[in-house]
N, C-alpha and C. Protein backbone atom coordinates (compact mmCIF):
# COMPACT_ATOMS: atom_id res chain seq x y z
N UNK A 1 0.84 -1.17 0.00
CA UNK A 1 0.00 0.00 0.00
C UNK A 1 0.89 1.24 0.00
N UNK A 2 0.63 2.15 -0.92
CA UNK A 2 1.38 3.40 -0.98
C UNK A 2 0.69 4.46 -0.12
N UNK A 3 1.50 5.23 0.58
CA UNK A 3 0.98 6.33 1.38
C UNK A 3 1.45 7.64 0.77
N UNK A 4 0.61 8.65 0.85
CA UNK A 4 0.95 9.97 0.35
C UNK A 4 0.73 10.99 1.46
N UNK A 5 1.58 11.97 1.50
CA UNK A 5 1.46 13.05 2.47
C UNK A 5 1.47 14.37 1.73
N UNK A 6 0.47 15.15 1.99
CA UNK A 6 0.42 16.50 1.43
C UNK A 6 0.51 17.45 2.61
N UNK A 7 1.42 18.39 2.52
CA UNK A 7 1.59 19.32 3.64
C UNK A 7 1.70 20.74 3.12
N UNK A 8 1.48 21.66 4.00
CA UNK A 8 1.61 23.07 3.68
C UNK A 8 1.56 23.87 4.97
N UNK A 9 1.97 25.10 4.89
CA UNK A 9 1.90 25.96 6.07
C UNK A 9 1.81 27.41 5.63
N UNK A 10 1.32 28.23 6.54
CA UNK A 10 1.22 29.66 6.32
C UNK A 10 1.82 30.35 7.53
N UNK A 11 2.67 31.31 7.31
CA UNK A 11 3.26 32.08 8.40
C UNK A 11 2.63 33.47 8.42
N UNK A 12 2.35 33.94 9.60
CA UNK A 12 1.73 35.25 9.78
C UNK A 12 2.74 36.17 10.47
N UNK A 13 3.15 37.20 9.76
CA UNK A 13 4.09 38.17 10.34
C UNK A 13 3.37 39.05 11.34
N UNK A 14 4.09 39.45 12.38
CA UNK A 14 3.54 40.43 13.32
C UNK A 14 3.36 41.76 12.61
N UNK A 15 2.45 42.56 13.11
CA UNK A 15 2.18 43.87 12.52
C UNK A 15 3.47 44.69 12.47
N UNK A 16 3.78 45.18 11.29
CA UNK A 16 4.96 46.03 11.11
C UNK A 16 6.25 45.27 10.83
N UNK A 17 6.20 43.96 10.85
CA UNK A 17 7.40 43.15 10.59
C UNK A 17 7.37 42.59 9.18
N UNK A 18 8.53 42.54 8.54
CA UNK A 18 8.63 41.98 7.19
C UNK A 18 8.96 40.49 7.21
N UNK A 19 9.49 40.01 8.31
CA UNK A 19 9.89 38.62 8.41
C UNK A 19 9.13 37.93 9.54
N UNK A 20 8.96 36.62 9.40
CA UNK A 20 8.29 35.83 10.42
C UNK A 20 9.34 35.08 11.23
N UNK A 21 9.10 34.92 12.51
CA UNK A 21 10.02 34.21 13.40
C UNK A 21 9.79 32.72 13.45
N UNK A 22 8.79 32.22 12.74
CA UNK A 22 8.51 30.79 12.70
C UNK A 22 9.04 30.21 11.39
N UNK A 23 9.47 28.96 11.45
CA UNK A 23 10.02 28.33 10.25
C UNK A 23 9.63 26.86 10.22
N UNK A 24 9.19 26.41 9.06
CA UNK A 24 8.92 25.00 8.83
C UNK A 24 9.90 24.52 7.77
N UNK A 25 10.56 23.42 8.06
CA UNK A 25 11.57 22.88 7.14
C UNK A 25 11.33 21.38 6.98
N UNK A 26 11.41 20.90 5.77
CA UNK A 26 11.26 19.47 5.50
C UNK A 26 12.46 18.99 4.72
N UNK A 27 12.93 17.81 5.06
CA UNK A 27 14.03 17.20 4.32
C UNK A 27 13.68 15.73 4.11
N UNK A 28 13.93 15.27 2.91
CA UNK A 28 13.66 13.88 2.55
C UNK A 28 14.97 13.11 2.57
N UNK A 29 14.94 11.94 3.19
CA UNK A 29 16.12 11.09 3.22
C UNK A 29 15.68 9.63 3.24
N UNK A 30 16.43 8.83 2.49
CA UNK A 30 16.07 7.42 2.32
C UNK A 30 14.61 7.33 1.89
N UNK A 31 13.81 6.66 2.67
CA UNK A 31 12.39 6.55 2.33
C UNK A 31 11.51 7.25 3.38
N UNK A 32 12.07 8.29 3.99
CA UNK A 32 11.31 9.01 5.02
C UNK A 32 11.48 10.52 4.87
N UNK A 33 10.74 11.24 5.67
CA UNK A 33 10.79 12.69 5.65
C UNK A 33 10.87 13.20 7.09
N UNK A 34 11.71 14.19 7.32
CA UNK A 34 11.79 14.87 8.61
C UNK A 34 11.17 16.24 8.45
N UNK A 35 10.24 16.57 9.32
CA UNK A 35 9.56 17.85 9.29
C UNK A 35 9.82 18.55 10.62
N UNK A 36 10.36 19.76 10.55
CA UNK A 36 10.74 20.51 11.75
C UNK A 36 10.00 21.84 11.78
N UNK A 37 9.42 22.16 12.92
CA UNK A 37 8.82 23.47 13.15
C UNK A 37 9.66 24.16 14.21
N UNK A 38 10.22 25.32 13.88
CA UNK A 38 11.06 26.06 14.81
C UNK A 38 10.44 27.43 15.05
N UNK A 39 10.42 27.83 16.30
CA UNK A 39 9.88 29.13 16.70
C UNK A 39 11.02 29.97 17.24
N UNK A 40 11.42 31.00 16.48
CA UNK A 40 12.44 31.92 16.96
C UNK A 40 11.80 32.88 17.94
N UNK A 41 12.37 32.98 19.13
CA UNK A 41 11.77 33.84 20.15
C UNK A 41 11.79 35.29 19.72
N UNK A 42 10.71 35.97 19.99
CA UNK A 42 10.59 37.36 19.59
C UNK A 42 10.03 37.45 18.18
N UNK A 43 10.48 38.46 17.46
CA UNK A 43 9.99 38.63 16.09
C UNK A 43 11.07 39.34 15.27
N UNK A 44 10.81 39.44 13.98
CA UNK A 44 11.72 40.17 13.10
C UNK A 44 12.92 39.37 12.66
N UNK A 45 13.97 40.09 12.34
CA UNK A 45 15.16 39.50 11.73
C UNK A 45 15.82 38.48 12.64
N UNK A 46 16.01 38.81 13.92
CA UNK A 46 16.70 37.89 14.84
C UNK A 46 15.92 36.59 14.98
N UNK A 47 14.62 36.66 15.17
CA UNK A 47 13.80 35.46 15.31
C UNK A 47 13.82 34.64 14.03
N UNK A 48 13.79 35.31 12.89
CA UNK A 48 13.82 34.62 11.60
C UNK A 48 15.13 33.87 11.41
N UNK A 49 16.23 34.52 11.72
CA UNK A 49 17.54 33.88 11.56
C UNK A 49 17.68 32.68 12.50
N UNK A 50 17.29 32.84 13.75
CA UNK A 50 17.42 31.75 14.72
C UNK A 50 16.53 30.56 14.37
N UNK A 51 15.30 30.83 13.95
CA UNK A 51 14.41 29.71 13.60
C UNK A 51 14.89 29.01 12.33
N UNK A 52 15.45 29.77 11.39
CA UNK A 52 15.99 29.17 10.17
C UNK A 52 17.20 28.30 10.49
N UNK A 53 18.12 28.80 11.30
CA UNK A 53 19.29 28.01 11.70
C UNK A 53 18.87 26.74 12.44
N UNK A 54 17.96 26.88 13.38
CA UNK A 54 17.50 25.74 14.16
C UNK A 54 16.91 24.66 13.27
N UNK A 55 15.99 25.04 12.39
CA UNK A 55 15.33 24.05 11.55
C UNK A 55 16.30 23.40 10.56
N UNK A 56 17.19 24.18 9.97
CA UNK A 56 18.15 23.63 9.01
C UNK A 56 19.14 22.67 9.69
N UNK A 57 19.64 23.06 10.84
CA UNK A 57 20.61 22.23 11.56
C UNK A 57 19.96 20.91 11.98
N UNK A 58 18.77 20.96 12.55
CA UNK A 58 18.10 19.73 12.99
C UNK A 58 17.78 18.83 11.80
N UNK A 59 17.27 19.40 10.72
CA UNK A 59 16.97 18.58 9.54
C UNK A 59 18.22 17.90 9.00
N UNK A 60 19.30 18.63 8.93
CA UNK A 60 20.55 18.06 8.41
C UNK A 60 21.07 16.95 9.31
N UNK A 61 21.04 17.17 10.61
CA UNK A 61 21.52 16.16 11.56
C UNK A 61 20.64 14.92 11.53
N UNK A 62 19.33 15.11 11.48
CA UNK A 62 18.40 13.98 11.43
C UNK A 62 18.60 13.18 10.15
N UNK A 63 18.83 13.85 9.04
CA UNK A 63 19.05 13.17 7.76
C UNK A 63 20.32 12.32 7.79
N UNK A 64 21.27 12.69 8.65
CA UNK A 64 22.51 11.92 8.80
C UNK A 64 22.36 10.78 9.81
N UNK A 65 21.16 10.63 10.36
CA UNK A 65 20.89 9.51 11.27
C UNK A 65 21.18 9.76 12.72
N UNK A 66 21.38 11.01 13.10
CA UNK A 66 21.66 11.30 14.51
C UNK A 66 20.38 11.20 15.34
N UNK A 67 20.48 10.72 16.57
CA UNK A 67 19.31 10.66 17.44
C UNK A 67 18.79 12.07 17.77
N UNK A 68 17.50 12.19 17.96
CA UNK A 68 16.89 13.50 18.23
C UNK A 68 17.48 14.14 19.48
N UNK A 69 17.84 13.34 20.47
CA UNK A 69 18.41 13.88 21.70
C UNK A 69 19.73 14.61 21.42
N UNK A 70 20.56 14.03 20.54
CA UNK A 70 21.83 14.67 20.18
C UNK A 70 21.60 15.96 19.40
N UNK A 71 20.60 15.95 18.53
CA UNK A 71 20.27 17.15 17.75
C UNK A 71 19.84 18.29 18.67
N UNK A 72 18.96 17.99 19.61
CA UNK A 72 18.46 19.02 20.53
C UNK A 72 19.60 19.52 21.41
N UNK A 73 20.45 18.62 21.88
CA UNK A 73 21.58 19.03 22.72
C UNK A 73 22.53 19.95 21.94
N UNK A 74 22.76 19.66 20.68
CA UNK A 74 23.62 20.50 19.85
C UNK A 74 23.02 21.89 19.69
N UNK A 75 21.73 21.96 19.39
CA UNK A 75 21.06 23.25 19.22
C UNK A 75 21.10 24.04 20.52
N UNK A 76 20.75 23.39 21.62
CA UNK A 76 20.71 24.08 22.92
C UNK A 76 22.09 24.60 23.33
N UNK A 77 23.14 23.91 22.92
CA UNK A 77 24.49 24.32 23.31
C UNK A 77 25.16 25.30 22.36
N UNK A 78 24.56 25.51 21.18
CA UNK A 78 25.29 26.33 20.20
C UNK A 78 24.58 27.63 19.81
N UNK A 79 23.28 27.69 19.90
CA UNK A 79 22.57 28.92 19.50
C UNK A 79 22.36 29.82 20.71
N UNK A 80 22.30 31.13 20.49
CA UNK A 80 22.10 32.05 21.61
C UNK A 80 20.71 31.91 22.22
N UNK A 81 20.62 32.33 23.46
CA UNK A 81 19.35 32.31 24.18
C UNK A 81 18.78 33.71 24.19
N UNK A 82 17.51 33.85 23.88
CA UNK A 82 16.85 35.16 23.91
C UNK A 82 16.49 35.47 25.36
N UNK A 83 17.08 36.54 25.92
CA UNK A 83 16.86 36.87 27.33
C UNK A 83 15.81 37.94 27.54
N UNK A 84 15.49 38.70 26.53
CA UNK A 84 14.50 39.76 26.70
C UNK A 84 13.50 39.77 25.57
N UNK A 85 12.26 39.61 25.93
CA UNK A 85 11.21 39.61 24.91
C UNK A 85 10.49 40.91 24.91
């Protein structure tokens, strides 16, 4: 039996912002797909950059077969923490 997945998403920018701080990334590997939703804290350019980095790094690591725990630990140890919202 063949299975099909259709997906899509819509991002809503905050009022006055040109960029969204949320990011959805999908990567296909072998016979599976990894789908990551990343929320950059805050809004605007900084949130967009952080959510993009997070989603890309996790997708790449998962595609290489790394356990999710290692991916999360890498992200938590390497990206900056937003201290003021």
